[in-house]
Amino acid sequence: MKKNIAAFAPYLIALGIDFYLLPLLAKDTGSAMLLMLCVMPLIALATGVLYAARRGFGLLPSLAALILFVPTIFMFYNSSAWVYSVAYAVLVLAGTGIGTIFYHKR
């Protein structure tokens, strides 16, 4: 069990940086929208791809993305950002689907 948690830690850290540190870089509304609509989704997608390429398909990264994003709604955004938690979870799920292709080629 500890081995599985340790193997999943880099992906949790990547999602944590994506959701908790990147919003701190937003200086105005334009940069915040660029981060939320371009940069953060790409990192979430890449995290899913990398996870699945190394470990195979799994729902755990999507669930982690959903759970990790929810507190940021109260920290950085307003209640209208709920939809992003689902969107990021779906992006990570899509990334794990894409990464599964690379996993089978190993």
PDB file of N, CA and C in Angstrom:
ATOM      1  N   MET A   1       0.815  -1.188   0.000  1.00  0.00           N
ATOM      2  CA  MET A   1       0.000   0.000   0.000  1.00  0.00           C
ATOM      3  C   MET A   1       0.866   1.261   0.000  1.00  0.00           C
ATOM      4  N   LYS A   2       1.904   1.298   0.845  1.00  0.00           N
ATOM      5  CA  LYS A   2       2.787   2.454   0.888  1.00  0.00           C
ATOM      6  C   LYS A   2       3.505   2.646  -0.435  1.00  0.00           C
ATOM      7  N   LYS A   3       3.821   1.546  -1.093  1.00  0.00           N
ATOM      8  CA  LYS A   3       4.495   1.614  -2.380  1.00  0.00           C
ATOM      9  C   LYS A   3       3.592   2.272  -3.421  1.00  0.00           C
ATOM     10  N   ASN A   4       2.306   1.955  -3.386  1.00  0.00           N
ATOM     11  CA  ASN A   4       1.360   2.555  -4.320  1.00  0.00           C
ATOM     12  C   ASN A   4       1.199   4.045  -4.065  1.00  0.00           C
ATOM     13  N   ILE A   5       1.153   4.436  -2.800  1.00  0.00           N
ATOM     14  CA  ILE A   5       1.011   5.856  -2.466  1.00  0.00           C
ATOM     15  C   ILE A   5       2.257   6.624  -2.880  1.00  0.00           C
ATOM     16  N   ALA A   6       3.421   6.039  -2.650  1.00  0.00           N
ATOM     17  CA  ALA A   6       4.666   6.683  -3.046  1.00  0.00           C
ATOM     18  C   ALA A   6       4.770   6.811  -4.560  1.00  0.00           C
ATOM     19  N   ALA A   7       4.259   5.836  -5.285  1.00  0.00           N
ATOM     20  CA  ALA A   7       4.292   5.897  -6.744  1.00  0.00           C
ATOM     21  C   ALA A   7       3.318   6.941  -7.276  1.00  0.00           C
ATOM     22  N   PHE A   8       2.259   7.224  -6.541  1.00  0.00           N
ATOM     23  CA  PHE A   8       1.257   8.191  -6.976  1.00  0.00           C
ATOM     24  C   PHE A   8       1.609   9.616  -6.549  1.00  0.00           C
ATOM     25  N   ALA A   9       2.531   9.771  -5.629  1.00  0.00           N
ATOM     26  CA  ALA A   9       2.886  11.077  -5.071  1.00  0.00           C
ATOM     27  C   ALA A   9       3.325  12.100  -6.115  1.00  0.00           C
ATOM     28  N   PRO A  10       4.157  11.766  -7.105  1.00  0.00           N
ATOM     29  CA  PRO A  10       4.548  12.795  -8.081  1.00  0.00           C
ATOM     30  C   PRO A  10       3.363  13.381  -8.850  1.00  0.00           C
ATOM     31  N   TYR A  11       2.369  12.579  -9.095  1.00  0.00           N
ATOM     32  CA  TYR A  11       1.194  13.058  -9.828  1.00  0.00           C
ATOM     33  C   TYR A  11       0.339  13.954  -8.935  1.00  0.00           C
ATOM     34  N   LEU A  12       0.263  13.615  -7.666  1.00  0.00           N
ATOM     35  CA  LEU A  12      -0.435  14.485  -6.711  1.00  0.00           C
ATOM     36  C   LEU A  12       0.281  15.824  -6.572  1.00  0.00           C
ATOM     37  N   ILE A  13       1.594  15.784  -6.543  1.00  0.00           N
ATOM     38  CA  ILE A  13       2.376  17.013  -6.433  1.00  0.00           C
ATOM     39  C   ILE A  13       2.172  17.877  -7.674  1.00  0.00           C
ATOM     40  N   ALA A  14       2.183  17.264  -8.850  1.00  0.00           N
ATOM     41  CA  ALA A  14       1.969  18.017 -10.089  1.00  0.00           C
ATOM     42  C   ALA A  14       0.590  18.672 -10.097  1.00  0.00           C
ATOM     43  N   LEU A  15      -0.436  17.925  -9.685  1.00  0.00           N
ATOM     44  CA  LEU A  15      -1.778  18.505  -9.630  1.00  0.00           C
ATOM     45  C   LEU A  15      -1.865  19.579  -8.547  1.00  0.00           C
ATOM     46  N   GLY A  16      -1.186  19.369  -7.443  1.00  0.00           N
ATOM     47  CA  GLY A  16      -1.176  20.373  -6.381  1.00  0.00           C
ATOM     48  C   GLY A  16      -0.533  21.673  -6.837  1.00  0.00           C
ATOM     49  N   ILE A  17       0.592  21.568  -7.521  1.00  0.00           N
ATOM     50  CA  ILE A  17       1.239  22.765  -8.064  1.00  0.00           C
ATOM     51  C   ILE A  17       0.325  23.432  -9.075  1.00  0.00           C
ATOM     52  N   ASP A  18      -0.301  22.629  -9.915  1.00  0.00           N
ATOM     53  CA  ASP A  18      -1.209  23.146 -10.931  1.00  0.00           C
ATOM     54  C   ASP A  18      -2.360  23.918 -10.302  1.00  0.00           C
ATOM     55  N   PHE A  19      -2.961  23.377  -9.282  1.00  0.00           N
ATOM     56  CA  PHE A  19      -4.166  23.970  -8.710  1.00  0.00           C
ATOM     57  C   PHE A  19      -3.905  25.002  -7.618  1.00  0.00           C
ATOM     58  N   TYR A  20      -2.786  24.898  -6.906  1.00  0.00           N
ATOM     59  CA  TYR A  20      -2.561  25.772  -5.758  1.00  0.00           C
ATOM     60  C   TYR A  20      -1.500  26.852  -5.979  1.00  0.00           C
ATOM     61  N   LEU A  21      -0.491  26.576  -6.799  1.00  0.00           N
ATOM     62  CA  LEU A  21       0.558  27.570  -6.996  1.00  0.00           C
ATOM     63  C   LEU A  21       0.351  28.424  -8.245  1.00  0.00           C
ATOM     64  N   LEU A  22      -0.136  27.848  -9.320  1.00  0.00           N
ATOM     65  CA  LEU A  22      -0.331  28.624 -10.542  1.00  0.00           C
ATOM     66  C   LEU A  22      -1.327  29.772 -10.379  1.00  0.00           C
ATOM     67  N   PRO A  23      -2.416  29.618  -9.636  1.00  0.00           N
ATOM     68  CA  PRO A  23      -3.308  30.772  -9.466  1.00  0.00           C
ATOM     69  C   PRO A  23      -2.642  31.962  -8.787  1.00  0.00           C
ATOM     70  N   LEU A  24      -1.579  31.728  -8.064  1.00  0.00           N
ATOM     71  CA  LEU A  24      -0.869  32.832  -7.423  1.00  0.00           C
ATOM     72  C   LEU A  24      -0.148  33.708  -8.439  1.00  0.00           C
ATOM     73  N   LEU A  25       0.084  33.191  -9.644  1.00  0.00           N
ATOM     74  CA  LEU A  25       0.753  33.949 -10.692  1.00  0.00           C
ATOM     75  C   LEU A  25      -0.179  34.902 -11.425  1.00  0.00           C
ATOM     76  N   ALA A  26      -1.472  34.764 -11.225  1.00  0.00           N
ATOM     77  CA  ALA A  26      -2.444  35.609 -11.914  1.00  0.00           C
ATOM     78  C   ALA A  26      -2.385  37.035 -11.367  1.00  0.00           C
ATOM     79  N   LYS A  27      -2.101  37.964 -12.251  1.00  0.00           N
ATOM     80  CA  LYS A  27      -1.997  39.363 -11.847  1.00  0.00           C
ATOM     81  C   LYS A  27      -3.294  40.122 -12.097  1.00  0.00           C
ATOM     82  N   ASP A  28      -4.017  39.729 -13.131  1.00  0.00           N
ATOM     83  CA  ASP A  28      -5.276  40.385 -13.466  1.00  0.00           C
ATOM     84  C   ASP A  28      -6.236  39.348 -14.041  1.00  0.00           C
ATOM     85  N   THR A  29      -7.396  39.798 -14.451  1.00  0.00           N
ATOM     86  CA  THR A  29      -8.403  38.872 -14.961  1.00  0.00           C
ATOM     87  C   THR A  29      -7.933  38.162 -16.222  1.00  0.00           C
ATOM     88  N   GLY A  30      -7.237  38.860 -17.088  1.00  0.00           N
ATOM     89  CA  GLY A  30      -6.757  38.253 -18.334  1.00  0.00           C
ATOM     90  C   GLY A  30      -5.769  37.129 -18.081  1.00  0.00           C
ATOM     91  N   SER A  31      -4.822  37.363 -17.201  1.00  0.00           N
ATOM     92  CA  SER A  31      -3.844  36.315 -16.914  1.00  0.00           C
ATOM     93  C   SER A  31      -4.489  35.159 -16.152  1.00  0.00           C
ATOM     94  N   ALA A  32      -5.473  35.457 -15.318  1.00  0.00           N
ATOM     95  CA  ALA A  32      -6.173  34.391 -14.602  1.00  0.00           C
ATOM     96  C   ALA A  32      -6.948  33.511 -15.579  1.00  0.00           C
ATOM     97  N   MET A  33      -7.586  34.128 -16.563  1.00  0.00           N
ATOM     98  CA  MET A  33      -8.331  33.348 -17.554  1.00  0.00           C
ATOM     99  C   MET A  33      -7.379  32.525 -18.424  1.00  0.00           C
ATOM    100  N   LEU A  34      -6.235  33.091 -18.782  1.00  0.00           N
ATOM    101  CA  LEU A  34      -5.244  32.337 -19.550  1.00  0.00           C
ATOM    102  C   LEU A  34      -4.780  31.115 -18.767  1.00  0.00           C
ATOM    103  N   LEU A  35      -4.518  31.301 -17.493  1.00  0.00           N
ATOM    104  CA  LEU A  35      -4.098  30.181 -16.649  1.00  0.00           C
ATOM    105  C   LEU A  35      -5.196  29.126 -16.546  1.00  0.00           C
ATOM    106  N   MET A  36      -6.422  29.561 -16.261  1.00  0.00           N
ATOM    107  CA  MET A  36      -7.512  28.606 -16.025  1.00  0.00           C
ATOM    108  C   MET A  36      -7.998  27.910 -17.283  1.00  0.00           C
ATOM    109  N   LEU A  37      -7.880  28.566 -18.427  1.00  0.00           N
ATOM    110  CA  LEU A  37      -8.423  27.992 -19.651  1.00  0.00           C
ATOM    111  C   LEU A  37      -7.374  27.347 -20.545  1.00  0.00           C
ATOM    112  N   CYS A  38      -6.094  27.656 -20.325  1.00  0.00           N
ATOM    113  CA  CYS A  38      -5.054  27.094 -21.195  1.00  0.00           C
ATOM    114  C   CYS A  38      -3.994  26.309 -20.423  1.00  0.00           C
ATOM    115  N   VAL A  39      -3.333  26.971 -19.509  1.00  0.00           N
ATOM    116  CA  VAL A  39      -2.172  26.375 -18.842  1.00  0.00           C
ATOM    117  C   VAL A  39      -2.579  25.255 -17.888  1.00  0.00           C
ATOM    118  N   MET A  40      -3.511  25.535 -17.011  1.00  0.00           N
ATOM    119  CA  MET A  40      -3.909  24.527 -16.015  1.00  0.00           C
ATOM    120  C   MET A  40      -4.542  23.281 -16.661  1.00  0.00           C
ATOM    121  N   PRO A  41      -5.395  23.434 -17.671  1.00  0.00           N
ATOM    122  CA  PRO A  41      -5.922  22.226 -18.320  1.00  0.00           C
ATOM    123  C   PRO A  41      -4.839  21.400 -19.014  1.00  0.00           C
ATOM    124  N   LEU A  42      -3.868  22.065 -19.625  1.00  0.00           N
ATOM    125  CA  LEU A  42      -2.783  21.321 -20.278  1.00  0.00           C
ATOM    126  C   LEU A  42      -1.953  20.534 -19.269  1.00  0.00           C
ATOM    127  N   ILE A  43      -1.700  21.125 -18.119  1.00  0.00           N
ATOM    128  CA  ILE A  43      -0.948  20.411 -17.085  1.00  0.00           C
ATOM    129  C   ILE A  43      -1.760  19.238 -16.557  1.00  0.00           C
ATOM    130  N   ALA A  44      -3.064  19.441 -16.373  1.00  0.00           N
ATOM    131  CA  ALA A  44      -3.921  18.346 -15.910  1.00  0.00           C
ATOM    132  C   ALA A  44      -3.948  17.211 -16.926  1.00  0.00           C
ATOM    133  N   LEU A  45      -4.080  17.558 -18.193  1.00  0.00           N
ATOM    134  CA  LEU A  45      -4.076  16.545 -19.250  1.00  0.00           C
ATOM    135  C   LEU A  45      -2.737  15.806 -19.293  1.00  0.00           C
ATOM    136  N   ALA A  46      -1.649  16.553 -19.217  1.00  0.00           N
ATOM    137  CA  ALA A  46      -0.317  15.935 -19.247  1.00  0.00           C
ATOM    138  C   ALA A  46      -0.095  15.031 -18.043  1.00  0.00           C
ATOM    139  N   THR A  47      -0.600  15.425 -16.897  1.00  0.00           N
ATOM    140  CA  THR A  47      -0.477  14.582 -15.707  1.00  0.00           C
ATOM    141  C   THR A  47      -1.185  13.259 -15.919  1.00  0.00           C
ATOM    142  N   GLY A  48      -2.374  13.290 -16.503  1.00  0.00           N
ATOM    143  CA  GLY A  48      -3.103  12.055 -16.793  1.00  0.00           C
ATOM    144  C   GLY A  48      -2.375  11.182 -17.795  1.00  0.00           C
ATOM    145  N   VAL A  49      -1.816  11.799 -18.821  1.00  0.00           N
ATOM    146  CA  VAL A  49      -1.075  11.036 -19.838  1.00  0.00           C
ATOM    147  C   VAL A  49       0.146  10.375 -19.214  1.00  0.00           C
ATOM    148  N   LEU A  50       0.903  11.123 -18.445  1.00  0.00           N
ATOM    149  CA  LEU A  50       2.113  10.567 -17.832  1.00  0.00           C
ATOM    150  C   LEU A  50       1.786   9.453 -16.840  1.00  0.00           C
ATOM    151  N   TYR A  51       0.721   9.644 -16.072  1.00  0.00           N
ATOM    152  CA  TYR A  51       0.318   8.604 -15.129  1.00  0.00           C
ATOM    153  C   TYR A  51      -0.002   7.306 -15.867  1.00  0.00           C
ATOM    154  N   ALA A  52      -0.839   7.404 -16.876  1.00  0.00           N
ATOM    155  CA  ALA A  52      -1.271   6.190 -17.584  1.00  0.00           C
ATOM    156  C   ALA A  52      -0.155   5.573 -18.409  1.00  0.00           C
ATOM    157  N   ALA A  53       0.753   6.390 -18.918  1.00  0.00           N
ATOM    158  CA  ALA A  53       1.868   5.842 -19.683  1.00  0.00           C
ATOM    159  C   ALA A  53       2.775   4.995 -18.801  1.00  0.00           C
ATOM    160  N   ARG A  54       2.851   5.327 -17.536  1.00  0.00           N
ATOM    161  CA  ARG A  54       3.707   4.567 -16.621  1.00  0.00           C
ATOM    162  C   ARG A  54       2.966   3.495 -15.835  1.00  0.00           C
ATOM    163  N   ARG A  55       1.683   3.766 -15.507  1.00  0.00           N
ATOM    164  CA  ARG A  55       0.973   2.868 -14.596  1.00  0.00           C
ATOM    165  C   ARG A  55      -0.269   2.215 -15.196  1.00  0.00           C
ATOM    166  N   GLY A  56      -0.675   2.639 -16.381  1.00  0.00           N
ATOM    167  CA  GLY A  56      -1.887   2.101 -16.976  1.00  0.00           C
ATOM    168  C   GLY A  56      -3.102   2.930 -16.598  1.00  0.00           C
ATOM    169  N   PHE A  57      -4.222   2.577 -17.163  1.00  0.00           N
ATOM    170  CA  PHE A  57      -5.450   3.341 -16.929  1.00  0.00           C
ATOM    171  C   PHE A  57      -5.900   3.216 -15.486  1.00  0.00           C
ATOM    172  N   GLY A  58      -6.405   4.304 -14.948  1.00  0.00           N
ATOM    173  CA  GLY A  58      -6.953   4.293 -13.599  1.00  0.00           C
ATOM    174  C   GLY A  58      -7.829   5.508 -13.366  1.00  0.00           C
ATOM    175  N   LEU A  59      -8.779   5.365 -12.484  1.00  0.00           N
ATOM    176  CA  LEU A  59      -9.667   6.468 -12.150  1.00  0.00           C
ATOM    177  C   LEU A  59      -9.129   7.331 -11.010  1.00  0.00           C
ATOM    178  N   LEU A  60      -8.121   6.840 -10.326  1.00  0.00           N
ATOM    179  CA  LEU A  60      -7.572   7.551  -9.171  1.00  0.00           C
ATOM    180  C   LEU A  60      -7.072   8.963  -9.516  1.00  0.00           C
ATOM    181  N   PRO A  61      -6.360   9.175 -10.617  1.00  0.00           N
ATOM    182  CA  PRO A  61      -5.922  10.551 -10.919  1.00  0.00           C
ATOM    183  C   PRO A  61      -7.088  11.509 -11.148  1.00  0.00           C
ATOM    184  N   SER A  62      -8.143  11.038 -11.776  1.00  0.00           N
ATOM    185  CA  SER A  62      -9.302  11.909 -11.998  1.00  0.00           C
ATOM    186  C   SER A  62      -9.975  12.261 -10.683  1.00  0.00           C
ATOM    187  N   LEU A  63     -10.112  11.287  -9.830  1.00  0.00           N
ATOM    188  CA  LEU A  63     -10.705  11.529  -8.518  1.00  0.00           C
ATOM    189  C   LEU A  63      -9.828  12.478  -7.707  1.00  0.00           C
ATOM    190  N   ALA A  64      -8.516  12.305  -7.799  1.00  0.00           N
ATOM    191  CA  ALA A  64      -7.587  13.186  -7.083  1.00  0.00           C
ATOM    192  C   ALA A  64      -7.700  14.619  -7.603  1.00  0.00           C
ATOM    193  N   ALA A  65      -7.814  14.778  -8.914  1.00  0.00           N
ATOM    194  CA  ALA A  65      -7.959  16.120  -9.486  1.00  0.00           C
ATOM    195  C   ALA A  65      -9.240  16.778  -8.995  1.00  0.00           C
ATOM    196  N   LEU A  66     -10.313  16.028  -8.951  1.00  0.00           N
ATOM    197  CA  LEU A  66     -11.592  16.558  -8.480  1.00  0.00           C
ATOM    198  C   LEU A  66     -11.490  16.996  -7.018  1.00  0.00           C
ATOM    199  N   ILE A  67     -10.928  16.147  -6.198  1.00  0.00           N
ATOM    200  CA  ILE A  67     -10.828  16.442  -4.761  1.00  0.00           C
ATOM    201  C   ILE A  67      -9.842  17.574  -4.489  1.00  0.00           C
ATOM    202  N   LEU A  68      -8.734  17.597  -5.227  1.00  0.00           N
ATOM    203  CA  LEU A  68      -7.737  18.637  -4.994  1.00  0.00           C
ATOM    204  C   LEU A  68      -8.213  20.019  -5.446  1.00  0.00           C
ATOM    205  N   PHE A  69      -9.054  20.074  -6.466  1.00  0.00           N
ATOM    206  CA  PHE A  69      -9.475  21.380  -6.966  1.00  0.00           C
ATOM    207  C   PHE A  69     -10.551  22.025  -6.099  1.00  0.00           C
ATOM    208  N   VAL A  70     -11.381  21.239  -5.459  1.00  0.00           N
ATOM    209  CA  VAL A  70     -12.516  21.797  -4.707  1.00  0.00           C
ATOM    210  C   VAL A  70     -12.089  22.847  -3.667  1.00  0.00           C
ATOM    211  N   PRO A  71     -11.058  22.634  -2.854  1.00  0.00           N
ATOM    212  CA  PRO A  71     -10.680  23.691  -1.901  1.00  0.00           C
ATOM    213  C   PRO A  71     -10.222  24.990  -2.565  1.00  0.00           C
ATOM    214  N   THR A  72      -9.685  24.905  -3.774  1.00  0.00           N
ATOM    215  CA  THR A  72      -9.225  26.122  -4.443  1.00  0.00           C
ATOM    216  C   THR A  72     -10.387  27.019  -4.842  1.00  0.00           C
ATOM    217  N   ILE A  73     -11.563  26.454  -4.967  1.00  0.00           N
ATOM    218  CA  ILE A  73     -12.745  27.268  -5.284  1.00  0.00           C
ATOM    219  C   ILE A  73     -12.953  28.314  -4.192  1.00  0.00           C
ATOM    220  N   PHE A  74     -12.772  27.905  -2.960  1.00  0.00           N
ATOM    221  CA  PHE A  74     -12.962  28.810  -1.836  1.00  0.00           C
ATOM    222  C   PHE A  74     -11.745  29.703  -1.598  1.00  0.00           C
ATOM    223  N   MET A  75     -10.576  29.256  -2.040  1.00  0.00           N
ATOM    224  CA  MET A  75      -9.349  30.010  -1.808  1.00  0.00           C
ATOM    225  C   MET A  75      -9.117  31.095  -2.859  1.00  0.00           C
ATOM    226  N   PHE A  76      -9.326  30.749  -4.144  1.00  0.00           N
ATOM    227  CA  PHE A  76      -8.941  31.654  -5.229  1.00  0.00           C
ATOM    228  C   PHE A  76     -10.102  32.154  -6.084  1.00  0.00           C
ATOM    229  N   TYR A  77     -11.165  31.407  -6.148  1.00  0.00           N
ATOM    230  CA  TYR A  77     -12.226  31.697  -7.105  1.00  0.00           C
ATOM    231  C   TYR A  77     -13.534  31.965  -6.372  1.00  0.00           C
ATOM    232  N   ASN A  78     -14.636  31.899  -7.100  1.00  0.00           N
ATOM    233  CA  ASN A  78     -15.944  32.012  -6.477  1.00  0.00           C
ATOM    234  C   ASN A  78     -16.755  30.758  -6.819  1.00  0.00           C
ATOM    235  N   SER A  79     -18.002  30.745  -6.423  1.00  0.00           N
ATOM    236  CA  SER A  79     -18.809  29.528  -6.576  1.00  0.00           C
ATOM    237  C   SER A  79     -19.045  29.138  -8.032  1.00  0.00           C
ATOM    238  N   SER A  80     -18.827  30.050  -8.953  1.00  0.00           N
ATOM    239  CA  SER A  80     -19.015  29.697 -10.365  1.00  0.00           C
ATOM    240  C   SER A  80     -17.904  28.789 -10.887  1.00  0.00           C
ATOM    241  N   ALA A  81     -16.850  28.583 -10.117  1.00  0.00           N
ATOM    242  CA  ALA A  81     -15.724  27.748 -10.550  1.00  0.00           C
ATOM    243  C   ALA A  81     -15.955  26.261 -10.288  1.00  0.00           C
ATOM    244  N   TRP A  82     -17.131  25.887  -9.780  1.00  0.00           N
ATOM    245  CA  TRP A  82     -17.415  24.467  -9.539  1.00  0.00           C
ATOM    246  C   TRP A  82     -17.272  23.646 -10.811  1.00  0.00           C
ATOM    247  N   VAL A  83     -17.662  24.234 -11.924  1.00  0.00           N
ATOM    248  CA  VAL A  83     -17.616  23.500 -13.183  1.00  0.00           C
ATOM    249  C   VAL A  83     -16.181  23.119 -13.560  1.00  0.00           C
ATOM    250  N   TYR A  84     -15.214  23.906 -13.130  1.00  0.00           N
ATOM    251  CA  TYR A  84     -13.819  23.594 -13.437  1.00  0.00           C
ATOM    252  C   TYR A  84     -13.343  22.330 -12.735  1.00  0.00           C
ATOM    253  N   SER A  85     -13.854  22.054 -11.562  1.00  0.00           N
ATOM    254  CA  SER A  85     -13.441  20.834 -10.856  1.00  0.00           C
ATOM    255  C   SER A  85     -13.823  19.607 -11.673  1.00  0.00           C
ATOM    256  N   VAL A  86     -15.001  19.619 -12.234  1.00  0.00           N
ATOM    257  CA  VAL A  86     -15.433  18.501 -13.085  1.00  0.00           C
ATOM    258  C   VAL A  86     -14.653  18.501 -14.398  1.00  0.00           C
ATOM    259  N   ALA A  87     -14.435  19.684 -14.961  1.00  0.00           N
ATOM    260  CA  ALA A  87     -13.707  19.773 -16.227  1.00  0.00           C
ATOM    261  C   ALA A  87     -12.280  19.240 -16.093  1.00  0.00           C
ATOM    262  N   TYR A  88     -11.601  19.599 -15.004  1.00  0.00           N
ATOM    263  CA  TYR A  88     -10.236  19.116 -14.808  1.00  0.00           C
ATOM    264  C   TYR A  88     -10.222  17.605 -14.565  1.00  0.00           C
ATOM    265  N   ALA A  89     -11.197  17.099 -13.852  1.00  0.00           N
ATOM    266  CA  ALA A  89     -11.281  15.651 -13.644  1.00  0.00           C
ATOM    267  C   ALA A  89     -11.491  14.930 -14.967  1.00  0.00           C
ATOM    268  N   VAL A  90     -12.335  15.485 -15.830  1.00  0.00           N
ATOM    269  CA  VAL A  90     -12.569  14.878 -17.146  1.00  0.00           C
ATOM    270  C   VAL A  90     -11.307  14.966 -18.005  1.00  0.00           C
ATOM    271  N   LEU A  91     -10.587  16.076 -17.919  1.00  0.00           N
ATOM    272  CA  LEU A  91      -9.339  16.199 -18.675  1.00  0.00           C
ATOM    273  C   LEU A  91      -8.297  15.183 -18.218  1.00  0.00           C
ATOM    274  N   VAL A  92      -8.184  14.990 -16.932  1.00  0.00           N
ATOM    275  CA  VAL A  92      -7.243  13.984 -16.426  1.00  0.00           C
ATOM    276  C   VAL A  92      -7.688  12.597 -16.874  1.00  0.00           C
ATOM    277  N   LEU A  93      -8.981  12.342 -16.857  1.00  0.00           N
ATOM    278  CA  LEU A  93      -9.496  11.059 -17.329  1.00  0.00           C
ATOM    279  C   LEU A  93      -9.184  10.868 -18.810  1.00  0.00           C
ATOM    280  N   ALA A  94      -9.351  11.904 -19.603  1.00  0.00           N
ATOM    281  CA  ALA A  94      -8.996  11.825 -21.027  1.00  0.00           C
ATOM    282  C   ALA A  94      -7.502  11.588 -21.183  1.00  0.00           C
ATOM    283  N   GLY A  95      -6.710  12.236 -20.340  1.00  0.00           N
ATOM    284  CA  GLY A  95      -5.264  12.024 -20.384  1.00  0.00           C
ATOM    285  C   GLY A  95      -4.881  10.594 -20.056  1.00  0.00           C
ATOM    286  N   THR A  96      -5.575   9.995 -19.083  1.00  0.00           N
ATOM    287  CA  THR A  96      -5.268   8.601 -18.771  1.00  0.00           C
ATOM    288  C   THR A  96      -5.682   7.693 -19.929  1.00  0.00           C
ATOM    289  N   GLY A  97      -6.737   8.070 -20.631  1.00  0.00           N
ATOM    290  CA  GLY A  97      -7.119   7.294 -21.817  1.00  0.00           C
ATOM    291  C   GLY A  97      -6.061   7.377 -22.897  1.00  0.00           C
ATOM    292  N   ILE A  98      -5.536   8.562 -23.119  1.00  0.00           N
ATOM    293  CA  ILE A  98      -4.476   8.744 -24.117  1.00  0.00           C
ATOM    294  C   ILE A  98      -3.199   8.041 -23.666  1.00  0.00           C
ATOM    295  N   GLY A  99      -2.866   8.183 -22.402  1.00  0.00           N
ATOM    296  CA  GLY A  99      -1.637   7.571 -21.889  1.00  0.00           C
ATOM    297  C   GLY A  99      -1.677   6.062 -21.918  1.00  0.00           C
ATOM    298  N   THR A 100      -2.860   5.478 -21.875  1.00  0.00           N
ATOM    299  CA  THR A 100      -2.986   4.021 -21.947  1.00  0.00           C
ATOM    300  C   THR A 100      -2.446   3.489 -23.266  1.00  0.00           C
ATOM    301  N   ILE A 101      -2.573   4.275 -24.317  1.00  0.00           N
ATOM    302  CA  ILE A 101      -2.027   3.879 -25.630  1.00  0.00           C
ATOM    303  C   ILE A 101      -0.530   3.679 -25.521  1.00  0.00           C
ATOM    304  N   PHE A 102       0.137   4.607 -24.842  1.00  0.00           N
ATOM    305  CA  PHE A 102       1.591   4.512 -24.683  1.00  0.00           C
ATOM    306  C   PHE A 102       1.976   3.400 -23.713  1.00  0.00           C
ATOM    307  N   TYR A 103       1.113   3.112 -22.748  1.00  0.00           N
ATOM    308  CA  TYR A 103       1.384   2.044 -21.795  1.00  0.00           C
ATOM    309  C   TYR A 103       1.410   0.689 -22.486  1.00  0.00           C
ATOM    310  N   HIS A 104       0.509   0.462 -23.420  1.00  0.00           N
ATOM    311  CA  HIS A 104       0.463  -0.814 -24.123  1.00  0.00           C
ATOM    312  C   HIS A 104       1.604  -0.968 -25.119  1.00  0.00           C
ATOM    313  N   LYS A 105       2.236   0.123 -25.519  1.00  0.00           N
ATOM    314  CA  LYS A 105       3.345   0.041 -26.456  1.00  0.00           C
ATOM    315  C   LYS A 105       4.662  -0.262 -25.765  1.00  0.00           C
ATOM    316  N   ARG A 106       4.678  -0.276 -24.437  1.00  0.00           N
ATOM    317  CA  ARG A 106       5.911  -0.551 -23.695  1.00  0.00           C
ATOM    318  C   ARG A 106       6.283  -2.007 -23.767  1.00  0.00           C
TER     319      ARG A 106
END
